PDB file of N, CA and C in Angstrom:
ATOM      1  N   MET A   1      25.055  -2.361   3.148  1.00  0.00           N
ATOM      2  CA  MET A   1      24.407  -2.756   4.376  1.00  0.00           C
ATOM      3  C   MET A   1      23.769  -4.126   4.185  1.00  0.00           C
ATOM      4  N   LYS A   2      23.955  -4.981   5.169  1.00  0.00           N
ATOM      5  CA  LYS A   2      23.425  -6.337   5.104  1.00  0.00           C
ATOM      6  C   LYS A   2      21.938  -6.369   5.456  1.00  0.00           C
ATOM      7  N   ALA A   3      21.164  -7.092   4.653  1.00  0.00           N
ATOM      8  CA  ALA A   3      19.731  -7.249   4.908  1.00  0.00           C
ATOM      9  C   ALA A   3      19.521  -8.079   6.166  1.00  0.00           C
ATOM     10  N   LYS A   4      18.480  -7.741   6.911  1.00  0.00           N
ATOM     11  CA  LYS A   4      18.165  -8.438   8.150  1.00  0.00           C
ATOM     12  C   LYS A   4      16.897  -9.246   7.935  1.00  0.00           C
ATOM     13  N   LYS A   5      17.056 -10.555   7.832  1.00  0.00           N
ATOM     14  CA  LYS A   5      15.950 -11.461   7.521  1.00  0.00           C
ATOM     15  C   LYS A   5      15.029 -11.650   8.723  1.00  0.00           C
ATOM     16  N   ALA A   6      13.722 -11.604   8.464  1.00  0.00           N
ATOM     17  CA  ALA A   6      12.719 -11.801   9.509  1.00  0.00           C
ATOM     18  C   ALA A   6      12.507 -13.293   9.754  1.00  0.00           C
ATOM     19  N   SER A   7      12.239 -13.650  10.999  1.00  0.00           N
ATOM     20  CA  SER A   7      11.926 -15.046  11.308  1.00  0.00           C
ATOM     21  C   SER A   7      10.519 -15.393  10.834  1.00  0.00           C
ATOM     22  N   ALA A   8       9.630 -14.383  10.801  1.00  0.00           N
ATOM     23  CA  ALA A   8       8.249 -14.593  10.356  1.00  0.00           C
ATOM     24  C   ALA A   8       7.616 -13.247  10.031  1.00  0.00           C
ATOM     25  N   VAL A   9       6.623 -13.283   9.159  1.00  0.00           N
ATOM     26  CA  VAL A   9       5.829 -12.093   8.841  1.00  0.00           C
ATOM     27  C   VAL A   9       4.366 -12.460   9.036  1.00  0.00           C
ATOM     28  N   TYR A  10       3.685 -11.711   9.895  1.00  0.00           N
ATOM     29  CA  TYR A  10       2.276 -11.947  10.185  1.00  0.00           C
ATOM     30  C   TYR A  10       1.467 -10.735   9.755  1.00  0.00           C
ATOM     31  N   PHE A  11       0.226 -10.978   9.337  1.00  0.00           N
ATOM     32  CA  PHE A  11      -0.669  -9.920   8.895  1.00  0.00           C
ATOM     33  C   PHE A  11      -1.792  -9.760   9.907  1.00  0.00           C
ATOM     34  N   SER A  12      -2.189  -8.523  10.124  1.00  0.00           N
ATOM     35  CA  SER A  12      -3.390  -8.282  10.919  1.00  0.00           C
ATOM     36  C   SER A  12      -4.598  -8.723  10.095  1.00  0.00           C
ATOM     37  N   ARG A  13      -5.720  -8.818  10.740  1.00  0.00           N
ATOM     38  CA  ARG A  13      -6.959  -9.161  10.040  1.00  0.00           C
ATOM     39  C   ARG A  13      -7.261  -8.136   8.953  1.00  0.00           C
ATOM     40  N   GLN A  14      -6.994  -6.848   9.252  1.00  0.00           N
ATOM     41  CA  GLN A  14      -7.248  -5.780   8.288  1.00  0.00           C
ATOM     42  C   GLN A  14      -6.408  -5.992   7.030  1.00  0.00           C
ATOM     43  N   VAL A  15      -5.143  -6.350   7.188  1.00  0.00           N
ATOM     44  CA  VAL A  15      -4.267  -6.558   6.033  1.00  0.00           C
ATOM     45  C   VAL A  15      -4.717  -7.777   5.245  1.00  0.00           C
ATOM     46  N   ASN A  16      -5.064  -8.835   5.936  1.00  0.00           N
ATOM     47  CA  ASN A  16      -5.553 -10.035   5.265  1.00  0.00           C
ATOM     48  C   ASN A  16      -6.810  -9.725   4.448  1.00  0.00           C
ATOM     49  N   GLN A  17      -7.736  -8.982   5.032  1.00  0.00           N
ATOM     50  CA  GLN A  17      -8.954  -8.600   4.313  1.00  0.00           C
ATOM     51  C   GLN A  17      -8.623  -7.726   3.104  1.00  0.00           C
ATOM     52  N   PHE A  18      -7.692  -6.804   3.269  1.00  0.00           N
ATOM     53  CA  PHE A  18      -7.283  -5.961   2.154  1.00  0.00           C
ATOM     54  C   PHE A  18      -6.763  -6.821   0.998  1.00  0.00           C
ATOM     55  N   LEU A  19      -5.887  -7.776   1.302  1.00  0.00           N
ATOM     56  CA  LEU A  19      -5.299  -8.619   0.256  1.00  0.00           C
ATOM     57  C   LEU A  19      -6.352  -9.469  -0.447  1.00  0.00           C
ATOM     58  N   VAL A  20      -7.369  -9.897   0.275  1.00  0.00           N
ATOM     59  CA  VAL A  20      -8.436 -10.717  -0.312  1.00  0.00           C
ATOM     60  C   VAL A  20      -9.400  -9.868  -1.132  1.00  0.00           C
ATOM     61  N   ARG A  21      -9.733  -8.681  -0.629  1.00  0.00           N
ATOM     62  CA  ARG A  21     -10.783  -7.865  -1.242  1.00  0.00           C
ATOM     63  C   ARG A  21     -10.303  -6.850  -2.268  1.00  0.00           C
ATOM     64  N   CYS A  22      -9.024  -6.554  -2.299  1.00  0.00           N
ATOM     65  CA  CYS A  22      -8.505  -5.516  -3.202  1.00  0.00           C
ATOM     66  C   CYS A  22      -8.768  -5.896  -4.659  1.00  0.00           C
ATOM     67  N   LYS A  23      -9.470  -5.026  -5.353  1.00  0.00           N
ATOM     68  CA  LYS A  23      -9.803  -5.289  -6.755  1.00  0.00           C
ATOM     69  C   LYS A  23      -8.725  -4.766  -7.707  1.00  0.00           C
ATOM     70  N   ASP A  24      -7.850  -3.905  -7.200  1.00  0.00           N
ATOM     71  CA  ASP A  24      -6.758  -3.367  -8.017  1.00  0.00           C
ATOM     72  C   ASP A  24      -5.611  -4.382  -8.012  1.00  0.00           C
ATOM     73  N   GLU A  25      -5.499  -5.133  -9.073  1.00  0.00           N
ATOM     74  CA  GLU A  25      -4.502  -6.210  -9.172  1.00  0.00           C
ATOM     75  C   GLU A  25      -3.077  -5.686  -8.990  1.00  0.00           C
ATOM     76  N   ARG A  26      -2.788  -4.524  -9.561  1.00  0.00           N
ATOM     77  CA  ARG A  26      -1.426  -3.958  -9.441  1.00  0.00           C
ATOM     78  C   ARG A  26      -1.107  -3.606  -7.989  1.00  0.00           C
ATOM     79  N   LEU A  27      -2.075  -3.004  -7.287  1.00  0.00           N
ATOM     80  CA  LEU A  27      -1.863  -2.636  -5.890  1.00  0.00           C
ATOM     81  C   LEU A  27      -1.694  -3.876  -5.025  1.00  0.00           C
ATOM     82  N   ARG A  28      -2.533  -4.886  -5.237  1.00  0.00           N
ATOM     83  CA  ARG A  28      -2.412  -6.137  -4.472  1.00  0.00           C
ATOM     84  C   ARG A  28      -1.059  -6.791  -4.731  1.00  0.00           C
ATOM     85  N   LYS A  29      -0.639  -6.797  -5.990  1.00  0.00           N
ATOM     86  CA  LYS A  29       0.662  -7.381  -6.335  1.00  0.00           C
ATOM     87  C   LYS A  29       1.798  -6.589  -5.682  1.00  0.00           C
ATOM     88  N   ASN A  30       1.689  -5.260  -5.704  1.00  0.00           N
ATOM     89  CA  ASN A  30       2.703  -4.417  -5.075  1.00  0.00           C
ATOM     90  C   ASN A  30       2.777  -4.680  -3.566  1.00  0.00           C
ATOM     91  N   ALA A  31       1.618  -4.787  -2.912  1.00  0.00           N
ATOM     92  CA  ALA A  31       1.590  -5.066  -1.469  1.00  0.00           C
ATOM     93  C   ALA A  31       2.228  -6.420  -1.177  1.00  0.00           C
ATOM     94  N   ASN A  32       1.907  -7.428  -1.974  1.00  0.00           N
ATOM     95  CA  ASN A  32       2.504  -8.754  -1.779  1.00  0.00           C
ATOM     96  C   ASN A  32       4.010  -8.735  -2.009  1.00  0.00           C
ATOM     97  N   GLU A  33       4.472  -7.942  -2.971  1.00  0.00           N
ATOM     98  CA  GLU A  33       5.916  -7.814  -3.209  1.00  0.00           C
ATOM     99  C   GLU A  33       6.612  -7.211  -1.995  1.00  0.00           C
ATOM    100  N   ILE A  34       6.003  -6.171  -1.424  1.00  0.00           N
ATOM    101  CA  ILE A  34       6.585  -5.541  -0.227  1.00  0.00           C
ATOM    102  C   ILE A  34       6.598  -6.534   0.932  1.00  0.00           C
ATOM    103  N   LEU A  35       5.537  -7.305   1.085  1.00  0.00           N
ATOM    104  CA  LEU A  35       5.496  -8.308   2.161  1.00  0.00           C
ATOM    105  C   LEU A  35       6.604  -9.341   1.980  1.00  0.00           C
ATOM    106  N   ASP A  36       6.853  -9.751   0.736  1.00  0.00           N
ATOM    107  CA  ASP A  36       7.954 -10.681   0.467  1.00  0.00           C
ATOM    108  C   ASP A  36       9.301 -10.031   0.779  1.00  0.00           C
ATOM    109  N   LEU A  37       9.446  -8.755   0.430  1.00  0.00           N
ATOM    110  CA  LEU A  37      10.697  -8.047   0.716  1.00  0.00           C
ATOM    111  C   LEU A  37      10.922  -7.891   2.217  1.00  0.00           C
ATOM    112  N   LEU A  38       9.835  -7.708   2.980  1.00  0.00           N
ATOM    113  CA  LEU A  38       9.966  -7.609   4.433  1.00  0.00           C
ATOM    114  C   LEU A  38      10.489  -8.906   5.043  1.00  0.00           C
ATOM    115  N   LYS A  39      10.178 -10.035   4.435  1.00  0.00           N
ATOM    116  CA  LYS A  39      10.718 -11.312   4.914  1.00  0.00           C
ATOM    117  C   LYS A  39      12.235 -11.341   4.772  1.00  0.00           C
ATOM    118  N   MET A  40      12.722 -10.699   3.720  1.00  0.00           N
ATOM    119  CA  MET A  40      14.160 -10.688   3.445  1.00  0.00           C
ATOM    120  C   MET A  40      14.898  -9.579   4.199  1.00  0.00           C
ATOM    121  N   ASN A  41      14.187  -8.491   4.518  1.00  0.00           N
ATOM    122  CA  ASN A  41      14.823  -7.367   5.204  1.00  0.00           C
ATOM    123  C   ASN A  41      13.766  -6.617   6.014  1.00  0.00           C
ATOM    124  N   TYR A  42      13.709  -6.899   7.305  1.00  0.00           N
ATOM    125  CA  TYR A  42      12.683  -6.295   8.145  1.00  0.00           C
ATOM    126  C   TYR A  42      12.896  -4.801   8.374  1.00  0.00           C
ATOM    127  N   GLU A  43      14.047  -4.269   8.003  1.00  0.00           N
ATOM    128  CA  GLU A  43      14.294  -2.832   8.125  1.00  0.00           C
ATOM    129  C   GLU A  43      14.058  -2.103   6.801  1.00  0.00           C
ATOM    130  N   LEU A  44      13.265  -2.682   5.941  1.00  0.00           N
ATOM    131  CA  LEU A  44      12.968  -2.112   4.628  1.00  0.00           C
ATOM    132  C   LEU A  44      12.301  -0.742   4.730  1.00  0.00           C
ATOM    133  N   GLY A  45      11.392  -0.593   5.651  1.00  0.00           N
ATOM    134  CA  GLY A  45      10.622   0.644   5.765  1.00  0.00           C
ATOM    135  C   GLY A  45      11.348   1.735   6.523  1.00  0.00           C
ATOM    136  N   ASP A  46      10.665   2.866   6.625  1.00  0.00           N
ATOM    137  CA  ASP A  46      11.166   4.019   7.373  1.00  0.00           C
ATOM    138  C   ASP A  46      10.627   3.952   8.789  1.00  0.00           C
ATOM    139  N   LYS A  47      11.494   4.191   9.755  1.00  0.00           N
ATOM    140  CA  LYS A  47      11.060   4.205  11.152  1.00  0.00           C
ATOM    141  C   LYS A  47      10.249   5.469  11.401  1.00  0.00           C
ATOM    142  N   VAL A  48       9.076   5.307  12.018  1.00  0.00           N
ATOM    143  CA  VAL A  48       8.192   6.431  12.317  1.00  0.00           C
ATOM    144  C   VAL A  48       8.570   6.967  13.698  1.00  0.00           C
ATOM    145  N   PRO A  49       8.827   8.290  13.817  1.00  0.00           N
ATOM    146  CA  PRO A  49       9.149   8.858  15.133  1.00  0.00           C
ATOM    147  C   PRO A  49       8.008   8.628  16.131  1.00  0.00           C
ATOM    148  N   LYS A  50       8.374   8.343  17.359  1.00  0.00           N
ATOM    149  CA  LYS A  50       7.386   7.990  18.398  1.00  0.00           C
ATOM    150  C   LYS A  50       6.307   9.058  18.567  1.00  0.00           C
ATOM    151  N   ARG A  51       6.671  10.311  18.440  1.00  0.00           N
ATOM    152  CA  ARG A  51       5.691  11.393  18.619  1.00  0.00           C
ATOM    153  C   ARG A  51       4.589  11.364  17.558  1.00  0.00           C
ATOM    154  N   GLN A  52       4.795  10.625  16.456  1.00  0.00           N
ATOM    155  CA  GLN A  52       3.812  10.542  15.377  1.00  0.00           C
ATOM    156  C   GLN A  52       2.984   9.249  15.417  1.00  0.00           C
ATOM    157  N   TRP A  53       3.241   8.381  16.362  1.00  0.00           N
ATOM    158  CA  TRP A  53       2.492   7.130  16.431  1.00  0.00           C
ATOM    159  C   TRP A  53       1.031   7.413  16.750  1.00  0.00           C
ATOM    160  N   PRO A  54       0.112   6.809  16.013  1.00  0.00           N
ATOM    161  CA  PRO A  54      -1.312   6.975  16.331  1.00  0.00           C
ATOM    162  C   PRO A  54      -1.632   6.394  17.708  1.00  0.00           C
ATOM    163  N   ARG A  55      -2.418   7.120  18.474  1.00  0.00           N
ATOM    164  CA  ARG A  55      -2.792   6.647  19.813  1.00  0.00           C
ATOM    165  C   ARG A  55      -3.494   5.302  19.752  1.00  0.00           C
ATOM    166  N   SER A  56      -4.287   5.100  18.692  1.00  0.00           N
ATOM    167  CA  SER A  56      -5.002   3.824  18.573  1.00  0.00           C
ATOM    168  C   SER A  56      -4.020   2.660  18.458  1.00  0.00           C
ATOM    169  N   TYR A  57      -2.910   2.854  17.765  1.00  0.00           N
ATOM    170  CA  TYR A  57      -1.891   1.809  17.654  1.00  0.00           C
ATOM    171  C   TYR A  57      -1.286   1.509  19.020  1.00  0.00           C
ATOM    172  N   VAL A  58      -0.928   2.556  19.740  1.00  0.00           N
ATOM    173  CA  VAL A  58      -0.284   2.389  21.046  1.00  0.00           C
ATOM    174  C   VAL A  58      -1.242   1.693  22.013  1.00  0.00           C
ATOM    175  N   LYS A  59      -2.502   2.139  22.015  1.00  0.00           N
ATOM    176  CA  LYS A  59      -3.498   1.589  22.935  1.00  0.00           C
ATOM    177  C   LYS A  59      -3.802   0.121  22.624  1.00  0.00           C
ATOM    178  N   GLN A  60      -4.005  -0.205  21.355  1.00  0.00           N
ATOM    179  CA  GLN A  60      -4.393  -1.560  20.970  1.00  0.00           C
ATOM    180  C   GLN A  60      -3.216  -2.523  20.909  1.00  0.00           C
ATOM    181  N   LEU A  61      -2.050  -2.032  20.496  1.00  0.00           N
ATOM    182  CA  LEU A  61      -0.937  -2.928  20.210  1.00  0.00           C
ATOM    183  C   LEU A  61       0.222  -2.837  21.195  1.00  0.00           C
ATOM    184  N   GLY A  62       0.268  -1.805  22.010  1.00  0.00           N
ATOM    185  CA  GLY A  62       1.365  -1.650  22.953  1.00  0.00           C
ATOM    186  C   GLY A  62       2.720  -1.597  22.257  1.00  0.00           C
ATOM    187  N   LEU A  63       2.828  -0.779  21.238  1.00  0.00           N
ATOM    188  CA  LEU A  63       4.035  -0.712  20.408  1.00  0.00           C
ATOM    189  C   LEU A  63       5.265  -0.231  21.153  1.00  0.00           C
ATOM    190  N   ASN A  64       6.427  -0.657  20.681  1.00  0.00           N
ATOM    191  CA  ASN A  64       7.678  -0.027  21.086  1.00  0.00           C
ATOM    192  C   ASN A  64       8.506   0.352  19.854  1.00  0.00           C
ATOM    193  N   ASN A  65       7.934   0.122  18.643  1.00  0.00           N
ATOM    194  CA  ASN A  65       8.541   0.580  17.391  1.00  0.00           C
ATOM    195  C   ASN A  65       7.462   0.559  16.316  1.00  0.00           C
ATOM    196  N   LEU A  66       7.665   1.375  15.295  1.00  0.00           N
ATOM    197  CA  LEU A  66       6.704   1.441  14.199  1.00  0.00           C
ATOM    198  C   LEU A  66       7.438   1.841  12.926  1.00  0.00           C
ATOM    199  N   TYR A  67       7.122   1.132  11.850  1.00  0.00           N
ATOM    200  CA  TYR A  67       7.722   1.401  10.541  1.00  0.00           C
ATOM    201  C   TYR A  67       6.615   1.568   9.513  1.00  0.00           C
ATOM    202  N   ARG A  68       6.958   2.236   8.399  1.00  0.00           N
ATOM    203  CA  ARG A  68       6.030   2.360   7.276  1.00  0.00           C
ATOM    204  C   ARG A  68       6.791   2.137   5.985  1.00  0.00           C
ATOM    205  N   CYS A  69       6.089   1.595   5.011  1.00  0.00           N
ATOM    206  CA  CYS A  69       6.632   1.406   3.661  1.00  0.00           C
ATOM    207  C   CYS A  69       5.690   2.088   2.683  1.00  0.00           C
ATOM    208  N   ASP A  70       6.267   2.714   1.683  1.00  0.00           N
ATOM    209  CA  ASP A  70       5.467   3.301   0.606  1.00  0.00           C
ATOM    210  C   ASP A  70       5.104   2.218  -0.388  1.00  0.00           C
ATOM    211  N   LEU A  71       3.846   2.203  -0.770  1.00  0.00           N
ATOM    212  CA  LEU A  71       3.374   1.359  -1.854  1.00  0.00           C
ATOM    213  C   LEU A  71       3.088   2.275  -3.041  1.00  0.00           C
ATOM    214  N   MET A  72       2.638   1.705  -4.118  1.00  0.00           N
ATOM    215  CA  MET A  72       2.356   2.488  -5.313  1.00  0.00           C
ATOM    216  C   MET A  72       1.212   3.481  -5.094  1.00  0.00           C
ATOM    217  N   GLU A  73       1.238   4.536  -5.870  1.00  0.00           N
ATOM    218  CA  GLU A  73       0.159   5.528  -5.928  1.00  0.00           C
ATOM    219  C   GLU A  73      -0.250   6.056  -4.560  1.00  0.00           C
ATOM    220  N   GLY A  74       0.721   6.276  -3.683  1.00  0.00           N
ATOM    221  CA  GLY A  74       0.454   6.907  -2.402  1.00  0.00           C
ATOM    222  C   GLY A  74      -0.056   6.006  -1.300  1.00  0.00           C
ATOM    223  N   TRP A  75      -0.161   4.729  -1.510  1.00  0.00           N
ATOM    224  CA  TRP A  75      -0.599   3.809  -0.463  1.00  0.00           C
ATOM    225  C   TRP A  75       0.542   3.583   0.520  1.00  0.00           C
ATOM    226  N   ARG A  76       0.196   3.271   1.763  1.00  0.00           N
ATOM    227  CA  ARG A  76       1.177   3.029   2.825  1.00  0.00           C
ATOM    228  C   ARG A  76       0.880   1.704   3.518  1.00  0.00           C
ATOM    229  N   LEU A  77       1.940   1.094   4.017  1.00  0.00           N
ATOM    230  CA  LEU A  77       1.855  -0.138   4.797  1.00  0.00           C
ATOM    231  C   LEU A  77       2.579   0.137   6.103  1.00  0.00           C
ATOM    232  N   THR A  78       1.968  -0.195   7.239  1.00  0.00           N
ATOM    233  CA  THR A  78       2.609   0.003   8.532  1.00  0.00           C
ATOM    234  C   THR A  78       2.878  -1.343   9.187  1.00  0.00           C
ATOM    235  N   TYR A  79       3.974  -1.399   9.947  1.00  0.00           N
ATOM    236  CA  TYR A  79       4.320  -2.646  10.637  1.00  0.00           C
ATOM    237  C   TYR A  79       5.160  -2.363  11.870  1.00  0.00           C
ATOM    238  N   THR A  80       5.236  -3.354  12.734  1.00  0.00           N
ATOM    239  CA  THR A  80       6.044  -3.289  13.941  1.00  0.00           C
ATOM    240  C   THR A  80       6.898  -4.549  14.027  1.00  0.00           C
ATOM    241  N   LEU A  81       7.959  -4.474  14.805  1.00  0.00           N
ATOM    242  CA  LEU A  81       8.880  -5.599  14.973  1.00  0.00           C
ATOM    243  C   LEU A  81       8.871  -6.072  16.418  1.00  0.00           C
ATOM    244  N   SER A  82       9.025  -7.378  16.601  1.00  0.00           N
ATOM    245  CA  SER A  82       9.138  -7.933  17.946  1.00  0.00           C
ATOM    246  C   SER A  82      10.035  -9.170  17.889  1.00  0.00           C
ATOM    247  N   PHE A  83      10.521  -9.567  19.039  1.00  0.00           N
ATOM    248  CA  PHE A  83      11.334 -10.776  19.131  1.00  0.00           C
ATOM    249  C   PHE A  83      10.404 -11.934  19.446  1.00  0.00           C
ATOM    250  N   ASP A  84      10.462 -13.011  18.653  1.00  0.00           N
ATOM    251  CA  ASP A  84       9.544 -14.146  18.844  1.00  0.00           C
ATOM    252  C   ASP A  84      10.214 -15.390  19.427  1.00  0.00           C
ATOM    253  N   GLY A  85      11.410 -15.230  19.982  1.00  0.00           N
ATOM    254  CA  GLY A  85      12.127 -16.363  20.552  1.00  0.00           C
ATOM    255  C   GLY A  85      13.092 -16.995  19.571  1.00  0.00           C
ATOM    256  N   VAL A  86      12.866 -16.790  18.293  1.00  0.00           N
ATOM    257  CA  VAL A  86      13.729 -17.334  17.245  1.00  0.00           C
ATOM    258  C   VAL A  86      14.516 -16.216  16.577  1.00  0.00           C
ATOM    259  N   GLY A  87      13.841 -15.103  16.367  1.00  0.00           N
ATOM    260  CA  GLY A  87      14.439 -13.958  15.688  1.00  0.00           C
ATOM    261  C   GLY A  87      13.458 -12.802  15.699  1.00  0.00           C
ATOM    262  N   ILE A  88      13.625 -11.903  14.752  1.00  0.00           N
ATOM    263  CA  ILE A  88      12.761 -10.731  14.655  1.00  0.00           C
ATOM    264  C   ILE A  88      11.539 -11.062  13.809  1.00  0.00           C
ATOM    265  N   ARG A  89      10.392 -10.801  14.369  1.00  0.00           N
ATOM    266  CA  ARG A  89       9.104 -11.060  13.724  1.00  0.00           C
ATOM    267  C   ARG A  89       8.534  -9.730  13.240  1.00  0.00           C
ATOM    268  N   VAL A  90       7.952  -9.739  12.043  1.00  0.00           N
ATOM    269  CA  VAL A  90       7.284  -8.569  11.474  1.00  0.00           C
ATOM    270  C   VAL A  90       5.776  -8.759  11.619  1.00  0.00           C
ATOM    271  N   ASP A  91       5.107  -7.790  12.225  1.00  0.00           N
ATOM    272  CA  ASP A  91       3.648  -7.791  12.321  1.00  0.00           C
ATOM    273  C   ASP A  91       3.135  -6.618  11.500  1.00  0.00           C
ATOM    274  N   VAL A  92       2.514  -6.931  10.372  1.00  0.00           N
ATOM    275  CA  VAL A  92       1.992  -5.905   9.482  1.00  0.00           C
ATOM    276  C   VAL A  92       0.641  -5.463  10.033  1.00  0.00           C
ATOM    277  N   ILE A  93       0.510  -4.169  10.269  1.00  0.00           N
ATOM    278  CA  ILE A  93      -0.668  -3.617  10.943  1.00  0.00           C
ATOM    279  C   ILE A  93      -1.753  -3.201   9.961  1.00  0.00           C
ATOM    280  N   GLU A  94      -1.377  -2.369   8.985  1.00  0.00           N
ATOM    281  CA  GLU A  94      -2.382  -1.813   8.074  1.00  0.00           C
ATOM    282  C   GLU A  94      -1.804  -1.531   6.698  1.00  0.00           C
ATOM    283  N   VAL A  95      -2.692  -1.538   5.720  1.00  0.00           N
ATOM    284  CA  VAL A  95      -2.428  -1.019   4.382  1.00  0.00           C
ATOM    285  C   VAL A  95      -3.511   0.014   4.153  1.00  0.00           C
ATOM    286  N   MET A  96      -3.102   1.246   3.785  1.00  0.00           N
ATOM    287  CA  MET A  96      -4.091   2.322   3.655  1.00  0.00           C
ATOM    288  C   MET A  96      -3.667   3.330   2.599  1.00  0.00           C
ATOM    289  N   PRO A  97      -4.654   4.045   2.041  1.00  0.00           N
ATOM    290  CA  PRO A  97      -4.314   5.103   1.086  1.00  0.00           C
ATOM    291  C   PRO A  97      -3.651   6.269   1.818  1.00  0.00           C
ATOM    292  N   HIS A  98      -2.944   7.094   1.063  1.00  0.00           N
ATOM    293  CA  HIS A  98      -2.181   8.195   1.641  1.00  0.00           C
ATOM    294  C   HIS A  98      -3.058   9.151   2.451  1.00  0.00           C
ATOM    295  N   THR A  99      -4.252   9.446   1.980  1.00  0.00           N
ATOM    296  CA  THR A  99      -5.118  10.381   2.710  1.00  0.00           C
ATOM    297  C   THR A  99      -5.487   9.841   4.096  1.00  0.00           C
ATOM    298  N   GLU A 100      -5.758   8.556   4.184  1.00  0.00           N
ATOM    299  CA  GLU A 100      -6.057   7.948   5.483  1.00  0.00           C
ATOM    300  C   GLU A 100      -4.808   7.924   6.360  1.00  0.00           C
ATOM    301  N   TYR A 101      -3.656   7.648   5.738  1.00  0.00           N
ATOM    302  CA  TYR A 101      -2.389   7.650   6.471  1.00  0.00           C
ATOM    303  C   TYR A 101      -2.141   9.041   7.089  1.00  0.00           C
ATOM    304  N   GLU A 102      -2.321  10.084   6.286  1.00  0.00           N
ATOM    305  CA  GLU A 102      -2.117  11.445   6.789  1.00  0.00           C
ATOM    306  C   GLU A 102      -3.045  11.759   7.948  1.00  0.00           C
ATOM    307  N   ARG A 103      -4.293  11.375   7.844  1.00  0.00           N
ATOM    308  CA  ARG A 103      -5.278  11.631   8.901  1.00  0.00           C
ATOM    309  C   ARG A 103      -4.902  10.863  10.169  1.00  0.00           C
ATOM    310  N   ARG A 104      -4.570   9.582  10.027  1.00  0.00           N
ATOM    311  CA  ARG A 104      -4.254   8.758  11.184  1.00  0.00           C
ATOM    312  C   ARG A 104      -2.975   9.221  11.892  1.00  0.00           C
ATOM    313  N   PHE A 105      -2.000   9.681  11.115  1.00  0.00           N
ATOM    314  CA  PHE A 105      -0.717  10.059  11.684  1.00  0.00           C
ATOM    315  C   PHE A 105      -0.613  11.562  11.973  1.00  0.00           C
ATOM    316  N   GLY A 106      -1.706  12.313  11.733  1.00  0.00           N
ATOM    317  CA  GLY A 106      -1.760  13.707  12.113  1.00  0.00           C
ATOM    318  C   GLY A 106      -0.944  14.649  11.261  1.00  0.00           C
ATOM    319  N   TYR A 107      -0.795  14.356   9.987  1.00  0.00           N
ATOM    320  CA  TYR A 107      -0.048  15.265   9.097  1.00  0.00           C
ATOM    321  C   TYR A 107      -0.947  16.337   8.563  1.00  0.00           C
TER     322      TYR A 107
END
């Protein structure tokens, strides 16, 4: 399968703060690696079924798609895709530990 390159990758304020404040060097490096991989293939993550989308995401972001990527030690990264006039843009929404992911997504 051919990789689908993103025209751009943008981070939410929450993701930017996570990358700046994260004291776990391995986790920060892993998150940055995934962000680099998303630039090369925006379909890297797993598509989240619509029935599992957090209401807060839908209300704040007006989503029409949602993806998640596994990071090390149970951490998750969520993102959405949109067309930016040039190509497919990746908007990274959150990076969170698995327990928070489960709570937010109702597992």
